[in-house]
C-alpha atoms as a PDB file:
ATOM      1  CA  MET A   1      -5.168  16.539   6.693  1.00  0.00           C
ATOM      2  CA  LYS A   2      -3.720  18.725   3.982  1.00  0.00           C
ATOM      3  CA  GLU A   3      -5.554  19.787   0.854  1.00  0.00           C
ATOM      4  CA  ALA A   4      -4.192  16.964  -1.347  1.00  0.00           C
ATOM      5  CA  VAL A   5      -5.676  13.998   0.512  1.00  0.00           C
ATOM      6  CA  LEU A   6      -4.648  10.935  -1.443  1.00  0.00           C
ATOM      7  CA  SER A   7      -7.802   8.890  -1.045  1.00  0.00           C
ATOM      8  CA  ARG A   8      -9.909   9.946  -3.998  1.00  0.00           C
ATOM      9  CA  PRO A   9     -10.363   7.670  -7.023  1.00  0.00           C
ATOM     10  CA  PHE A  10      -8.613   6.784  -9.203  1.00  0.00           C
ATOM     11  CA  ILE A  11      -5.334   5.715  -7.510  1.00  0.00           C
ATOM     12  CA  LEU A  12      -2.747   4.345  -9.914  1.00  0.00           C
ATOM     13  CA  ALA A  13       0.148   2.573  -8.197  1.00  0.00           C
ATOM     14  CA  LEU A  14       3.206   1.809 -10.290  1.00  0.00           C
ATOM     15  CA  SER A  15       6.362  -0.149  -9.497  1.00  0.00           C
ATOM     16  CA  LEU A  16       9.361   1.515 -11.093  1.00  0.00           C
ATOM     17  CA  ASN A  17      11.726  -1.291 -10.092  1.00  0.00           C
ATOM     18  CA  GLU A  18      11.724  -4.507  -8.111  1.00  0.00           C
ATOM     19  CA  MET A  19      14.082  -7.209  -6.910  1.00  0.00           C
ATOM     20  CA  SER A  20      13.378 -10.707  -8.203  1.00  0.00           C
ATOM     21  CA  LYS A  21      13.302 -13.177  -5.297  1.00  0.00           C
ATOM     22  CA  GLU A  22      14.082 -16.045  -7.668  1.00  0.00           C
ATOM     23  CA  THR A  23      17.177 -14.578  -9.332  1.00  0.00           C
ATOM     24  CA  ALA A  24      18.128 -11.782  -6.882  1.00  0.00           C
ATOM     25  CA  GLU A  25      18.337  -9.500  -9.916  1.00  0.00           C
ATOM     26  CA  SER A  26      16.818  -6.057 -10.225  1.00  0.00           C
ATOM     27  CA  LYS A  27      14.060  -5.465 -12.777  1.00  0.00           C
ATOM     28  CA  THR A  28      12.968  -2.080 -14.087  1.00  0.00           C
ATOM     29  CA  LEU A  29       9.661  -0.873 -15.479  1.00  0.00           C
ATOM     30  CA  ASP A  30       8.921  -2.016 -19.044  1.00  0.00           C
ATOM     31  CA  ASP A  31       9.184   0.861 -21.551  1.00  0.00           C
ATOM     32  CA  GLN A  32       5.807   0.145 -23.149  1.00  0.00           C
ATOM     33  CA  VAL A  33       4.115   0.128 -19.746  1.00  0.00           C
ATOM     34  CA  TYR A  34       5.822   3.431 -18.929  1.00  0.00           C
ATOM     35  CA  ARG A  35       4.564   5.041 -22.146  1.00  0.00           C
ATOM     36  CA  CYS A  36       1.040   3.761 -21.498  1.00  0.00           C
ATOM     37  CA  VAL A  37       1.042   5.270 -18.002  1.00  0.00           C
ATOM     38  CA  CYS A  38       2.356   8.596 -19.294  1.00  0.00           C
ATOM     39  CA  ASN A  39      -0.348   8.726 -21.985  1.00  0.00           C
ATOM     40  CA  TYR A  40      -3.019   8.059 -19.380  1.00  0.00           C
ATOM     41  CA  ILE A  41      -1.743  10.820 -17.095  1.00  0.00           C
ATOM     42  CA  ARG A  42      -1.734  13.313 -19.986  1.00  0.00           C
ATOM     43  CA  ALA A  43      -5.334  12.458 -20.925  1.00  0.00           C
ATOM     44  CA  ASN A  44      -6.927  12.331 -17.462  1.00  0.00           C
ATOM     45  CA  ASN A  45      -7.237  14.231 -14.222  1.00  0.00           C
ATOM     46  CA  ASN A  46      -8.784  13.761 -10.755  1.00  0.00           C
ATOM     47  CA  SER A  47      -6.419  10.854 -10.114  1.00  0.00           C
ATOM     48  CA  VAL A  48      -3.405  10.062  -7.948  1.00  0.00           C
ATOM     49  CA  ILE A  49      -0.096   8.446  -8.917  1.00  0.00           C
ATOM     50  CA  VAL A  50       1.651   6.260  -6.330  1.00  0.00           C
ATOM     51  CA  LEU A  51       5.234   5.367  -7.238  1.00  0.00           C
ATOM     52  CA  THR A  52       6.576   2.293  -5.530  1.00  0.00           C
ATOM     53  CA  GLY A  53       8.975  -0.601  -5.994  1.00  0.00           C
ATOM     54  CA  GLU A  54      12.285  -1.682  -4.484  1.00  0.00           C
ATOM     55  CA  GLU A  55      13.385   1.979  -4.388  1.00  0.00           C
ATOM     56  CA  PRO A  56      11.629   4.407  -6.758  1.00  0.00           C
ATOM     57  CA  PHE A  57      14.007   7.245  -5.854  1.00  0.00           C
ATOM     58  CA  LEU A  58      16.802   5.343  -7.634  1.00  0.00           C
ATOM     59  CA  ASP A  59      14.932   5.428 -10.964  1.00  0.00           C
ATOM     60  CA  SER A  60      15.371   8.475 -13.220  1.00  0.00           C
ATOM     61  CA  ARG A  61      11.807   8.109 -14.462  1.00  0.00           C
ATOM     62  CA  LEU A  62      10.475   9.073 -11.048  1.00  0.00           C
ATOM     63  CA  SER A  63      11.306  12.740 -11.621  1.00  0.00           C
ATOM     64  CA  GLU A  64       9.845  12.563 -15.135  1.00  0.00           C
ATOM     65  CA  LEU A  65       6.587  11.098 -13.830  1.00  0.00           C
ATOM     66  CA  ILE A  66       6.402  13.623 -10.990  1.00  0.00           C
ATOM     67  CA  LEU A  67       6.823  16.503 -13.440  1.00  0.00           C
ATOM     68  CA  LEU A  68       4.188  15.042 -15.774  1.00  0.00           C
ATOM     69  CA  ALA A  69       1.774  14.421 -12.891  1.00  0.00           C
ATOM     70  CA  ARG A  70       2.233  17.935 -11.545  1.00  0.00           C
ATOM     71  CA  SER A  71       1.597  19.476 -14.980  1.00  0.00           C
ATOM     72  CA  ASN A  72      -1.685  17.555 -15.263  1.00  0.00           C
ATOM     73  CA  GLY A  73      -2.982  18.098 -11.736  1.00  0.00           C
ATOM     74  CA  TRP A  74      -2.233  14.636 -10.336  1.00  0.00           C
ATOM     75  CA  PRO A  75      -1.075  14.514  -6.698  1.00  0.00           C
ATOM     76  CA  ALA A  76       1.929  12.205  -6.321  1.00  0.00           C
ATOM     77  CA  SER A  77       2.817   9.786  -3.541  1.00  0.00           C
ATOM     78  CA  VAL A  78       6.112   7.903  -3.241  1.00  0.00           C
ATOM     79  CA  ASP A  79       6.872   4.736  -1.254  1.00  0.00           C
ATOM     80  CA  THR A  80      10.492   4.500  -0.210  1.00  0.00           C
ATOM     81  CA  ASN A  81      12.716   1.914   1.452  1.00  0.00           C
ATOM     82  CA  CYS A  82      15.419   4.549   2.085  1.00  0.00           C
ATOM     83  CA  LEU A  83      17.996   2.900  -0.173  1.00  0.00           C
ATOM     84  CA  PHE A  84      19.711   6.181  -1.061  1.00  0.00           C
ATOM     85  CA  ASP A  85      22.829   7.807   0.383  1.00  0.00           C
ATOM     86  CA  GLU A  86      21.509  11.374   0.542  1.00  0.00           C
ATOM     87  CA  PRO A  87      17.885  12.553   0.980  1.00  0.00           C
ATOM     88  CA  PRO A  88      16.429  12.971  -2.535  1.00  0.00           C
ATOM     89  CA  ALA A  89      14.676  16.049  -3.869  1.00  0.00           C
ATOM     90  CA  LEU A  90      10.948  16.041  -3.061  1.00  0.00           C
ATOM     91  CA  ASP A  91       9.684  18.813  -5.357  1.00  0.00           C
ATOM     92  CA  GLY A  92       6.176  18.065  -6.617  1.00  0.00           C
ATOM     93  CA  ILE A  93       5.594  15.157  -4.224  1.00  0.00           C
ATOM     94  CA  GLN A  94       2.556  15.583  -1.970  1.00  0.00           C
ATOM     95  CA  GLN A  95       3.012  12.424   0.102  1.00  0.00           C
ATOM     96  CA  ILE A  96       5.908  10.246   1.289  1.00  0.00           C
ATOM     97  CA  ARG A  97       5.309   6.744   2.647  1.00  0.00           C
ATOM     98  CA  LEU A  98       7.831   4.843   4.804  1.00  0.00           C
ATOM     99  CA  ARG A  99       7.433   1.294   6.080  1.00  0.00           C
ATOM    100  CA  LEU A 100       8.058   0.421   9.712  1.00  0.00           C
ATOM    101  CA  PHE A 101       7.878  -3.190  10.930  1.00  0.00           C
ATOM    102  CA  SER A 102       8.707  -2.616  14.574  1.00  0.00           C
ATOM    103  CA  LEU A 103      10.006  -0.068  17.059  1.00  0.00           C
ATOM    104  CA  ASN A 104      12.416  -2.836  18.105  1.00  0.00           C
ATOM    105  CA  PRO A 105      15.439  -2.412  15.784  1.00  0.00           C
ATOM    106  CA  HIS A 106      16.320  -6.115  15.711  1.00  0.00           C
ATOM    107  CA  LEU A 107      12.761  -7.211  14.938  1.00  0.00           C
ATOM    108  CA  HIS A 108      12.313  -4.548  12.260  1.00  0.00           C
ATOM    109  CA  ASN A 109      15.576  -5.542  10.573  1.00  0.00           C
ATOM    110  CA  ARG A 110      14.711  -9.230  10.727  1.00  0.00           C
ATOM    111  CA  ILE A 111      11.318  -8.748   9.064  1.00  0.00           C
ATOM    112  CA  ALA A 112      12.777  -6.299   6.538  1.00  0.00           C
ATOM    113  CA  CYS A 113      15.686  -8.696   5.800  1.00  0.00           C
ATOM    114  CA  ASP A 114      18.077  -5.746   6.038  1.00  0.00           C
ATOM    115  CA  ARG A 115      20.388  -5.167   8.999  1.00  0.00           C
ATOM    116  CA  GLN A 116      20.488  -1.416   8.310  1.00  0.00           C
ATOM    117  CA  SER A 117      16.774  -0.914   7.609  1.00  0.00           C
ATOM    118  CA  PHE A 118      15.704   0.387  11.031  1.00  0.00           C
ATOM    119  CA  ARG A 119      18.474   2.967  11.163  1.00  0.00           C
ATOM    120  CA  LYS A 120      17.781   4.154   7.619  1.00  0.00           C
ATOM    121  CA  THR A 121      14.024   4.346   8.209  1.00  0.00           C
ATOM    122  CA  THR A 122      14.173   6.227  11.507  1.00  0.00           C
ATOM    123  CA  GLU A 123      16.884   8.621  10.327  1.00  0.00           C
ATOM    124  CA  TYR A 124      14.913   9.491   7.209  1.00  0.00           C
ATOM    125  CA  ALA A 125      11.726   9.857   9.256  1.00  0.00           C
ATOM    126  CA  GLY A 126      13.510  12.405  11.430  1.00  0.00           C
ATOM    127  CA  TRP A 127      14.843  14.208   8.351  1.00  0.00           C
ATOM    128  CA  LEU A 128      11.339  14.386   6.852  1.00  0.00           C
ATOM    129  CA  ALA A 129       9.911  15.686  10.119  1.00  0.00           C
ATOM    130  CA  ASP A 130      12.347  18.606   9.969  1.00  0.00           C
ATOM    131  CA  ASN A 131      12.433  19.259   6.217  1.00  0.00           C
ATOM    132  CA  TYR A 132       9.233  18.085   4.492  1.00  0.00           C
ATOM    133  CA  SER A 133       5.871  19.848   4.804  1.00  0.00           C
ATOM    134  CA  GLY A 134       3.830  17.374   2.729  1.00  0.00           C
ATOM    135  CA  GLU A 135       1.795  14.459   4.031  1.00  0.00           C
ATOM    136  CA  LYS A 136       3.950  11.858   5.800  1.00  0.00           C
ATOM    137  CA  ILE A 137       2.635   8.299   6.141  1.00  0.00           C
ATOM    138  CA  MET A 138       4.222   5.564   8.250  1.00  0.00           C
ATOM    139  CA  VAL A 139       2.976   2.212   6.972  1.00  0.00           C
ATOM    140  CA  PHE A 140       2.940  -0.437   9.706  1.00  0.00           C
ATOM    141  CA  PRO A 141       2.273  -3.967   8.379  1.00  0.00           C
ATOM    142  CA  VAL A 142       0.670  -5.763  11.326  1.00  0.00           C
ATOM    143  CA  CYS A 143       1.905  -9.322  11.901  1.00  0.00           C
ATOM    144  CA  ARG A 144       2.136 -11.859  14.711  1.00  0.00           C
ATOM    145  CA  GLU A 145       5.462 -10.407  15.910  1.00  0.00           C
ATOM    146  CA  ASN A 146       4.483  -6.749  16.252  1.00  0.00           C
ATOM    147  CA  TYR A 147       0.757  -6.196  16.808  1.00  0.00           C
ATOM    148  CA  GLU A 148       1.169  -5.321  20.488  1.00  0.00           C
ATOM    149  CA  GLU A 149       3.247  -2.299  19.408  1.00  0.00           C
ATOM    150  CA  MET A 150       0.398  -0.500  17.622  1.00  0.00           C
ATOM    151  CA  PRO A 151      -0.454   2.046  20.369  1.00  0.00           C
ATOM    152  CA  ALA A 152       3.241   2.905  20.744  1.00  0.00           C
ATOM    153  CA  VAL A 153       3.549   3.298  16.964  1.00  0.00           C
ATOM    154  CA  VAL A 154       0.659   5.789  16.989  1.00  0.00           C
ATOM    155  CA  ASP A 155       2.415   7.856  19.674  1.00  0.00           C
ATOM    156  CA  TRP A 156       5.755   7.699  17.855  1.00  0.00           C
ATOM    157  CA  CYS A 157       4.172   8.773  14.562  1.00  0.00           C
ATOM    158  CA  ARG A 158       2.447  11.718  16.180  1.00  0.00           C
ATOM    159  CA  SER A 159       5.709  12.875  17.732  1.00  0.00           C
ATOM    160  CA  LEU A 160       7.075  13.168  14.164  1.00  0.00           C
ATOM    161  CA  ASN A 161       3.844  14.432  12.553  1.00  0.00           C
ATOM    162  CA  PHE A 162       3.388  11.203  10.591  1.00  0.00           C
ATOM    163  CA  ILE A 163       0.023   9.561   9.947  1.00  0.00           C
ATOM    164  CA  PRO A 164       0.163   5.869  10.895  1.00  0.00           C
ATOM    165  CA  ASN A 165      -1.259   3.458   8.297  1.00  0.00           C
ATOM    166  CA  PHE A 166      -2.033  -0.029   9.607  1.00  0.00           C
ATOM    167  CA  PHE A 167      -2.837  -3.101   7.559  1.00  0.00           C
ATOM    168  CA  VAL A 168      -2.699  -6.787   8.454  1.00  0.00           C
ATOM    169  CA  VAL A 169      -0.173  -8.675   6.334  1.00  0.00           C
ATOM    170  CA  PRO A 170      -1.728 -11.288   3.998  1.00  0.00           C
ATOM    171  CA  ARG A 171      -1.867 -14.917   5.074  1.00  0.00           C
ATOM    172  CA  GLN A 172       0.961 -15.857   2.660  1.00  0.00           C
ATOM    173  CA  HIS A 173       3.384 -13.595   4.561  1.00  0.00           C
ATOM    174  CA  GLU A 174       6.089 -15.331   6.583  1.00  0.00           C
ATOM    175  CA  TYR A 175       4.936 -13.516   9.729  1.00  0.00           C
ATOM    176  CA  SER A 176       1.166 -13.627   9.146  1.00  0.00           C
ATOM    177  CA  VAL A 177      -1.231 -13.717  12.093  1.00  0.00           C
ATOM    178  CA  ASP A 178      -2.891 -17.043  12.865  1.00  0.00           C
ATOM    179  CA  LEU A 179      -6.668 -17.410  13.017  1.00  0.00           C
ATOM    180  CA  GLN A 180      -6.763 -17.364  16.795  1.00  0.00           C
ATOM    181  CA  ASP A 181      -4.879 -14.086  17.072  1.00  0.00           C
ATOM    182  CA  TYR A 182      -6.610 -12.351  14.164  1.00  0.00           C
ATOM    183  CA  ARG A 183      -9.627 -11.331  16.226  1.00  0.00           C
ATOM    184  CA  VAL A 184      -7.255 -10.032  18.904  1.00  0.00           C
ATOM    185  CA  VAL A 185      -5.525  -7.929  16.245  1.00  0.00           C
ATOM    186  CA  LEU A 186      -8.836  -6.555  14.928  1.00  0.00           C
ATOM    187  CA  LYS A 187      -9.909  -5.689  18.468  1.00  0.00           C
ATOM    188  CA  ALA A 188      -6.605  -3.878  19.041  1.00  0.00           C
ATOM    189  CA  LEU A 189      -7.029  -1.977  15.762  1.00  0.00           C
ATOM    190  CA  HIS A 190     -10.579  -1.023  16.726  1.00  0.00           C
ATOM    191  CA  GLU A 191      -9.352   0.375  20.051  1.00  0.00           C
ATOM    192  CA  LEU A 192      -6.804   2.722  18.470  1.00  0.00           C
ATOM    193  CA  PRO A 193      -7.648   6.437  18.633  1.00  0.00           C
ATOM    194  CA  PRO A 194      -9.522   7.098  15.367  1.00  0.00           C
ATOM    195  CA  LYS A 195      -8.202  10.594  14.644  1.00  0.00           C
ATOM    196  CA  ASN A 196      -5.604  10.922  11.882  1.00  0.00           C
ATOM    197  CA  ILE A 197      -4.881   7.244  11.384  1.00  0.00           C
ATOM    198  CA  ILE A 198      -5.489   5.013   8.373  1.00  0.00           C
ATOM    199  CA  ILE A 199      -6.549   1.379   8.758  1.00  0.00           C
ATOM    200  CA  ASP A 200      -6.671  -0.790   5.653  1.00  0.00           C
ATOM    201  CA  ALA A 201      -8.280  -3.862   7.243  1.00  0.00           C
ATOM    202  CA  PRO A 202     -11.559  -4.580   5.408  1.00  0.00           C
ATOM    203  CA  LEU A 203     -12.861  -7.062   8.002  1.00  0.00           C
ATOM    204  CA  LEU A 204     -13.041  -4.217  10.513  1.00  0.00           C
ATOM    205  CA  GLY A 205     -16.117  -3.240   8.518  1.00  0.00           C
ATOM    206  CA  LEU A 206     -17.854  -6.044  10.399  1.00  0.00           C
ATOM    207  CA  SER A 207     -17.214  -4.048  13.576  1.00  0.00           C
ATOM    208  CA  GLY A 208     -18.337  -0.710  12.191  1.00  0.00           C
ATOM    209  CA  TRP A 209     -14.924   0.702  11.234  1.00  0.00           C
ATOM    210  CA  PRO A 210     -15.280   2.957   8.177  1.00  0.00           C
ATOM    211  CA  ASN A 211     -11.861   2.478   6.551  1.00  0.00           C
ATOM    212  CA  ILE A 212     -11.842   0.018   3.653  1.00  0.00           C
ATOM    213  CA  CYS A 213      -8.653  -0.919   1.822  1.00  0.00           C
ATOM    214  CA  PRO A 214      -8.606   0.798  -1.607  1.00  0.00           C
ATOM    215  CA  GLY A 215      -6.943  -2.155  -3.374  1.00  0.00           C
ATOM    216  CA  GLY A 216      -9.161  -3.150  -6.295  1.00  0.00           C
ATOM    217  CA  ARG A 217     -11.853  -0.723  -5.192  1.00  0.00           C
ATOM    218  CA  SER A 218     -10.374   2.669  -6.024  1.00  0.00           C
ATOM    219  CA  ALA A 219      -6.784   1.629  -6.713  1.00  0.00           C
ATOM    220  CA  MET A 220      -4.836  -0.771  -8.861  1.00  0.00           C
ATOM    221  CA  HIS A 221      -1.171  -1.694  -9.001  1.00  0.00           C
ATOM    222  CA  ILE A 222       0.916  -2.116 -12.159  1.00  0.00           C
ATOM    223  CA  GLY A 223       4.057  -4.214 -11.856  1.00  0.00           C
ATOM    224  CA  VAL A 224       7.289  -3.670 -13.768  1.00  0.00           C
ATOM    225  CA  ASP A 225       6.218  -6.120 -16.479  1.00  0.00           C
ATOM    226  CA  GLY A 226       2.656  -4.791 -16.795  1.00  0.00           C
ATOM    227  CA  GLY A 227       0.997  -7.268 -14.445  1.00  0.00           C
ATOM    228  CA  ILE A 228      -2.155  -5.838 -12.853  1.00  0.00           C
ATOM    229  CA  LYS A 229      -3.021  -6.468  -9.200  1.00  0.00           C
ATOM    230  CA  PRO A 230      -5.463  -4.850  -6.785  1.00  0.00           C
ATOM    231  CA  CYS A 231      -2.459  -4.043  -4.567  1.00  0.00           C
ATOM    232  CA  PRO A 232       1.264  -4.857  -4.398  1.00  0.00           C
ATOM    233  CA  ASP A 233       0.669  -7.551  -1.753  1.00  0.00           C
ATOM    234  CA  PHE A 234      -1.707  -9.593  -3.923  1.00  0.00           C
ATOM    235  CA  PRO A 235       0.157 -12.838  -4.762  1.00  0.00           C
ATOM    236  CA  TYR A 236      -0.217 -12.877  -8.569  1.00  0.00           C
ATOM    237  CA  PRO A 237      -1.355 -10.662 -11.477  1.00  0.00           C
ATOM    238  CA  LEU A 238      -5.049 -10.892 -12.338  1.00  0.00           C
ATOM    239  CA  CYS A 239      -4.513  -9.476 -15.830  1.00  0.00           C
ATOM    240  CA  ARG A 240      -1.958  -7.549 -17.859  1.00  0.00           C
ATOM    241  CA  LEU A 241      -1.706  -4.048 -19.237  1.00  0.00           C
ATOM    242  CA  GLU A 242      -2.200  -4.945 -22.898  1.00  0.00           C
ATOM    243  CA  GLU A 243      -3.565  -1.761 -24.486  1.00  0.00           C
ATOM    244  CA  ASP A 244      -4.776   0.920 -22.081  1.00  0.00           C
ATOM    245  CA  ILE A 245      -5.370   1.501 -18.399  1.00  0.00           C
ATOM    246  CA  PRO A 246      -9.201   1.860 -18.515  1.00  0.00           C
ATOM    247  CA  ARG A 247      -9.465  -1.535 -20.222  1.00  0.00           C
ATOM    248  CA  ALA A 248      -7.124  -3.099 -17.659  1.00  0.00           C
ATOM    249  CA  TRP A 249      -9.204  -1.546 -14.854  1.00  0.00           C
ATOM    250  CA  ARG A 250     -12.417  -3.029 -16.280  1.00  0.00           C
ATOM    251  CA  THR A 251     -10.791  -6.454 -16.559  1.00  0.00           C
ATOM    252  CA  LEU A 252      -9.502  -6.176 -12.998  1.00  0.00           C
ATOM    253  CA  GLN A 253     -13.016  -5.352 -11.789  1.00  0.00           C
ATOM    254  CA  GLU A 254     -14.368  -8.430 -13.568  1.00  0.00           C
ATOM    255  CA  LYS A 255     -11.719 -10.632 -11.966  1.00  0.00           C
ATOM    256  CA  ILE A 256     -12.400  -9.161  -8.519  1.00  0.00           C
ATOM    257  CA  ALA A 257     -16.130  -9.743  -8.972  1.00  0.00           C
ATOM    258  CA  GLU A 258     -15.321 -13.405  -9.608  1.00  0.00           C
ATOM    259  CA  LEU A 259     -13.193 -13.561  -6.458  1.00  0.00           C
ATOM    260  CA  ASN A 260     -16.044 -11.960  -4.499  1.00  0.00           C
ATOM    261  CA  LYS A 261     -18.812 -14.072  -6.015  1.00  0.00           C
ATOM    262  CA  LEU A 262     -19.352 -16.037  -2.798  1.00  0.00           C
ATOM    263  CA  CYS A 263     -19.097 -13.015  -0.516  1.00  0.00           C
ATOM    264  CA  SER A 264     -21.359 -10.791  -2.629  1.00  0.00           C
ATOM    265  CA  SER A 265     -24.447 -12.665  -1.441  1.00  0.00           C
ATOM    266  CA  CYS A 266     -23.546 -12.151   2.231  1.00  0.00           C
ATOM    267  CA  GLY A 267     -25.415  -9.493   4.189  1.00  0.00           C
ATOM    268  CA  HIS A 268     -22.099  -8.169   5.497  1.00  0.00           C
ATOM    269  CA  PHE A 269     -20.648  -7.568   2.023  1.00  0.00           C
ATOM    270  CA  PRO A 270     -21.435  -3.804   1.979  1.00  0.00           C
ATOM    271  CA  ALA A 271     -19.451  -3.428   5.218  1.00  0.00           C
ATOM    272  CA  CYS A 272     -16.320  -5.409   4.375  1.00  0.00           C
ATOM    273  CA  GLY A 273     -16.340  -5.628   0.575  1.00  0.00           C
ATOM    274  CA  GLY A 274     -15.486  -9.317   0.739  1.00  0.00           C
ATOM    275  CA  GLY A 275     -12.504  -8.811   3.033  1.00  0.00           C
ATOM    276  CA  CYS A 276      -8.881  -8.762   1.921  1.00  0.00           C
ATOM    277  CA  LEU A 277      -8.538 -10.039  -1.636  1.00  0.00           C
ATOM    278  CA  SER A 278      -5.103 -11.447  -0.794  1.00  0.00           C
ATOM    279  CA  ASN A 279      -6.672 -13.688   1.853  1.00  0.00           C
ATOM    280  CA  LYS A 280      -9.261 -15.410  -0.326  1.00  0.00           C
ATOM    281  CA  THR A 281      -9.574 -19.173   0.065  1.00  0.00           C
ATOM    282  CA  GLU A 282     -10.226 -21.423  -2.943  1.00  0.00           C
ATOM    283  CA  ALA A 283     -13.935 -21.117  -2.111  1.00  0.00           C
ATOM    284  CA  GLY A 284     -13.700 -17.315  -2.374  1.00  0.00           C
ATOM    285  CA  LYS A 285     -13.991 -16.327   1.285  1.00  0.00           C
ATOM    286  CA  ASP A 286     -11.509 -14.318   3.324  1.00  0.00           C
ATOM    287  CA  CYS A 287      -9.773 -17.004   5.386  1.00  0.00           C
ATOM    288  CA  TYR A 288      -9.983 -14.741   8.469  1.00  0.00           C
ATOM    289  CA  CYS A 289     -13.690 -13.903   8.069  1.00  0.00           C
ATOM    290  CA  PHE A 290     -15.776 -14.501  11.182  1.00  0.00           C
ATOM    291  CA  ALA A 291     -19.160 -13.293   9.843  1.00  0.00           C
ATOM    292  CA  ASP A 292     -20.697 -16.757  10.258  1.00  0.00           C
ATOM    293  CA  GLY A 293     -19.342 -17.546  13.624  1.00  0.00           C
END
């Protein structure tokens, strides 16, 4: 790992743009939200900014935020879907995150809903391997179609000097794993070589795995309209950015405590943190949890 390891609190994830599934129109970050984030960066340190969205490299405010973060000692991470024609400038960015759904081009493109996605992702991964010295993360969302590929993904990432980051897609996802296969997936995750990989699967805590997803624990996500979530994959905002980020963080913690009310009395809670917040049932338990059975 390099010096700027992006796992220390507080992690502030921010969507610069997004595509509305309802209207198929692009939305950009609200100006008031942008000003609030900038004010917070100026006044604080020992934090990390993660810039995400449909394609953050297509937003002019990305370079402004990177410059501001760099001047205030914030490491910066950028998620990209490779929707640019030429590789963008990476000055001041400590970490780049790509998303790979499969090493099978047709499966990757089908899950990504983009016939060119696999080519764009792999070509940019190769470009980064040759031209970028910062931390390179390959995010692999594990689903029912691709979980058998995980060992091969680890090998492929290491050939390009990428760190693989595995997480199991939430139950609302079109390709989510069923209950029967979920234990198989956790077992496969547990058997991966532990060195230089990241696994954001909280229920692995029940099997002794140390990695716990940071969503809602050391990280929060701000949507383009100011909606606050523990992570981008959570299905709805738990609160809004009304005045300042510390107040929104406190409100988010209160909401998460409510979601974890049932789990907090379980003896396994220190190990799994209540599981994946996106998988909570109406009763407040991770729908994949097997602690009682």
